[in-house]
C-alpha atoms as a PDB file:
ATOM      1  CA  MET A   1     -40.869 -34.352  14.363  1.00  0.00           C
ATOM      2  CA  SER A   2     -41.373 -37.112  17.055  1.00  0.00           C
ATOM      3  CA  VAL A   3     -44.286 -35.800  20.124  1.00  0.00           C
ATOM      4  CA  SER A   4     -40.589 -35.319  22.342  1.00  0.00           C
ATOM      5  CA  GLN A   5     -38.850 -33.492  20.806  1.00  0.00           C
ATOM      6  CA  MET A   6     -42.079 -31.294  20.415  1.00  0.00           C
ATOM      7  CA  GLU A   7     -42.404 -31.740  23.982  1.00  0.00           C
ATOM      8  CA  GLU A   8     -38.624 -30.195  24.326  1.00  0.00           C
ATOM      9  CA  GLN A   9     -39.403 -27.290  22.438  1.00  0.00           C
ATOM     10  CA  VAL A  10     -42.571 -25.884  24.988  1.00  0.00           C
ATOM     11  CA  ASN A  11     -40.663 -26.786  27.332  1.00  0.00           C
ATOM     12  CA  VAL A  12     -38.130 -23.768  25.717  1.00  0.00           C
ATOM     13  CA  PHE A  13     -40.434 -21.557  25.044  1.00  0.00           C
ATOM     14  CA  ASN A  14     -41.761 -21.758  28.479  1.00  0.00           C
ATOM     15  CA  GLY A  15     -39.461 -21.062  30.172  1.00  0.00           C
ATOM     16  CA  LEU A  16     -38.300 -17.863  28.311  1.00  0.00           C
ATOM     17  CA  THR A  17     -41.923 -16.601  28.502  1.00  0.00           C
ATOM     18  CA  ASP A  18     -41.168 -14.380  31.338  1.00  0.00           C
ATOM     19  CA  LYS A  19     -39.331 -10.820  31.971  1.00  0.00           C
ATOM     20  CA  VAL A  20     -37.256 -12.220  35.019  1.00  0.00           C
ATOM     21  CA  ARG A  21     -35.992 -15.638  33.282  1.00  0.00           C
ATOM     22  CA  ILE A  22     -35.437 -13.733  30.034  1.00  0.00           C
ATOM     23  CA  SER A  23     -33.618 -10.996  32.780  1.00  0.00           C
ATOM     24  CA  ILE A  24     -31.956 -13.967  34.296  1.00  0.00           C
ATOM     25  CA  VAL A  25     -31.032 -15.673  30.696  1.00  0.00           C
ATOM     26  CA  ASN A  26     -29.372 -12.279  29.816  1.00  0.00           C
ATOM     27  CA  TYR A  27     -27.706 -11.861  33.285  1.00  0.00           C
ATOM     28  CA  LEU A  28     -25.704 -15.437  32.824  1.00  0.00           C
ATOM     29  CA  ALA A  29     -24.898 -14.441  29.138  1.00  0.00           C
ATOM     30  CA  GLU A  30     -22.969 -11.421  30.112  1.00  0.00           C
ATOM     31  CA  HIS A  31     -21.278 -12.083  33.388  1.00  0.00           C
ATOM     32  CA  GLY A  32     -21.005 -16.378  33.381  1.00  0.00           C
ATOM     33  CA  GLU A  33     -21.458 -18.485  36.397  1.00  0.00           C
ATOM     34  CA  SER A  34     -23.170 -16.574  39.294  1.00  0.00           C
ATOM     35  CA  ASN A  35     -25.013 -17.324  42.378  1.00  0.00           C
ATOM     36  CA  VAL A  36     -28.691 -16.375  43.110  1.00  0.00           C
ATOM     37  CA  THR A  37     -27.028 -13.759  45.406  1.00  0.00           C
ATOM     38  CA  GLN A  38     -25.527 -11.754  42.332  1.00  0.00           C
ATOM     39  CA  ILE A  39     -28.500 -11.972  39.870  1.00  0.00           C
ATOM     40  CA  ALA A  40     -31.135 -11.030  42.259  1.00  0.00           C
ATOM     41  CA  LYS A  41     -28.669  -7.842  43.174  1.00  0.00           C
ATOM     42  CA  HIS A  42     -27.858  -7.340  39.237  1.00  0.00           C
ATOM     43  CA  ILE A  43     -31.143  -7.334  37.849  1.00  0.00           C
ATOM     44  CA  GLY A  44     -33.060  -6.121  40.980  1.00  0.00           C
ATOM     45  CA  VAL A  45     -35.839  -8.938  41.742  1.00  0.00           C
ATOM     46  CA  LEU A  46     -35.747 -10.024  45.185  1.00  0.00           C
ATOM     47  CA  ILE A  47     -33.893 -13.397  45.788  1.00  0.00           C
ATOM     48  CA  VAL A  48     -37.575 -15.591  46.199  1.00  0.00           C
ATOM     49  CA  ASN A  49     -38.508 -14.326  42.572  1.00  0.00           C
ATOM     50  CA  VAL A  50     -34.648 -15.037  41.093  1.00  0.00           C
ATOM     51  CA  SER A  51     -34.417 -19.020  42.404  1.00  0.00           C
ATOM     52  CA  HIS A  52     -38.232 -20.358  41.258  1.00  0.00           C
ATOM     53  CA  ALA A  53     -37.454 -18.500  38.381  1.00  0.00           C
ATOM     54  CA  LEU A  54     -34.158 -20.323  38.030  1.00  0.00           C
ATOM     55  CA  LYS A  55     -36.139 -23.617  38.994  1.00  0.00           C
ATOM     56  CA  VAL A  56     -38.400 -23.284  35.645  1.00  0.00           C
ATOM     57  CA  LEU A  57     -35.029 -22.227  33.805  1.00  0.00           C
ATOM     58  CA  LYS A  58     -33.022 -25.877  35.430  1.00  0.00           C
ATOM     59  CA  ALA A  59     -36.511 -27.442  34.316  1.00  0.00           C
ATOM     60  CA  SER A  60     -36.036 -26.481  30.502  1.00  0.00           C
ATOM     61  CA  LYS A  61     -32.616 -27.400  30.664  1.00  0.00           C
ATOM     62  CA  LEU A  62     -31.201 -23.599  30.102  1.00  0.00           C
ATOM     63  CA  VAL A  63     -29.576 -23.775  32.750  1.00  0.00           C
ATOM     64  CA  THR A  64     -26.569 -25.699  34.923  1.00  0.00           C
ATOM     65  CA  PHE A  65     -25.566 -25.289  38.009  1.00  0.00           C
ATOM     66  CA  ARG A  66     -23.227 -26.649  40.176  1.00  0.00           C
ATOM     67  CA  ARG A  67     -22.458 -26.971  44.341  1.00  0.00           C
ATOM     68  CA  ASP A  68     -18.904 -25.381  45.865  1.00  0.00           C
ATOM     69  CA  GLY A  69     -19.860 -25.125  49.634  1.00  0.00           C
ATOM     70  CA  ARG A  70     -23.319 -23.787  51.098  1.00  0.00           C
ATOM     71  CA  PHE A  71     -23.931 -22.042  47.486  1.00  0.00           C
ATOM     72  CA  ILE A  72     -25.302 -23.075  43.861  1.00  0.00           C
ATOM     73  CA  PHE A  73     -23.472 -21.391  40.660  1.00  0.00           C
ATOM     74  CA  TYR A  74     -26.067 -20.881  37.250  1.00  0.00           C
ATOM     75  CA  SER A  75     -25.002 -20.363  33.920  1.00  0.00           C
ATOM     76  CA  LEU A  76     -25.797 -20.866  30.636  1.00  0.00           C
ATOM     77  CA  ASN A  77     -26.997 -24.832  29.216  1.00  0.00           C
ATOM     78  CA  SER A  78     -24.276 -24.423  26.509  1.00  0.00           C
ATOM     79  CA  LYS A  79     -24.724 -28.191  25.081  1.00  0.00           C
ATOM     80  CA  PHE A  80     -28.297 -27.248  25.142  1.00  0.00           C
ATOM     81  CA  PHE A  81     -27.908 -23.740  23.367  1.00  0.00           C
ATOM     82  CA  ASN A  82     -25.424 -25.438  21.001  1.00  0.00           C
ATOM     83  CA  LYS A  83     -28.150 -28.230  20.408  1.00  0.00           C
ATOM     84  CA  ALA A  84     -31.543 -25.528  20.247  1.00  0.00           C
ATOM     85  CA  ASN A  85     -29.918 -23.748  17.759  1.00  0.00           C
ATOM     86  CA  LYS A  86     -29.691 -27.035  15.225  1.00  0.00           C
ATOM     87  CA  THR A  87     -33.579 -27.970  15.974  1.00  0.00           C
ATOM     88  CA  PHE A  88     -34.516 -23.823  16.232  1.00  0.00           C
ATOM     89  CA  LYS A  89     -32.266 -22.539  13.886  1.00  0.00           C
ATOM     90  CA  PHE A  90     -32.072 -19.260  15.564  1.00  0.00           C
ATOM     91  CA  ASP A  91     -28.913 -16.925  16.305  1.00  0.00           C
ATOM     92  CA  TRP A  92     -29.352 -16.422  20.088  1.00  0.00           C
ATOM     93  CA  GLY A  93     -26.971 -14.146  21.140  1.00  0.00           C
ATOM     94  CA  LYS A  94     -29.109 -11.896  18.836  1.00  0.00           C
ATOM     95  CA  ILE A  95     -32.309 -12.638  19.933  1.00  0.00           C
ATOM     96  CA  VAL A  96     -32.552 -13.584  23.201  1.00  0.00           C
ATOM     97  CA  LEU A  97     -28.942 -12.669  24.575  1.00  0.00           C
ATOM     98  CA  ASN A  98     -28.138  -9.442  23.996  1.00  0.00           C
END
């Protein structure tokens, strides 16, 4: 395994070391694409904290986003999870998302 592959794995696990970030991943897995306000309302966390957590999740490549006017919508990065299944040999649906 190369150093860059190990760094990518560390980045992923760092992205999942927080209850708010795990709650966001669970929410997005269940509800699909959502904006910060929707996520914050559902998981019961301040918008500023959700925004910070999403920044970390984006850096970890766990979520993607698209802009629609003044709103940004976030969703799970399916390309990443498909690749991660091969790399980590995890069943993400049982470990993280449910």
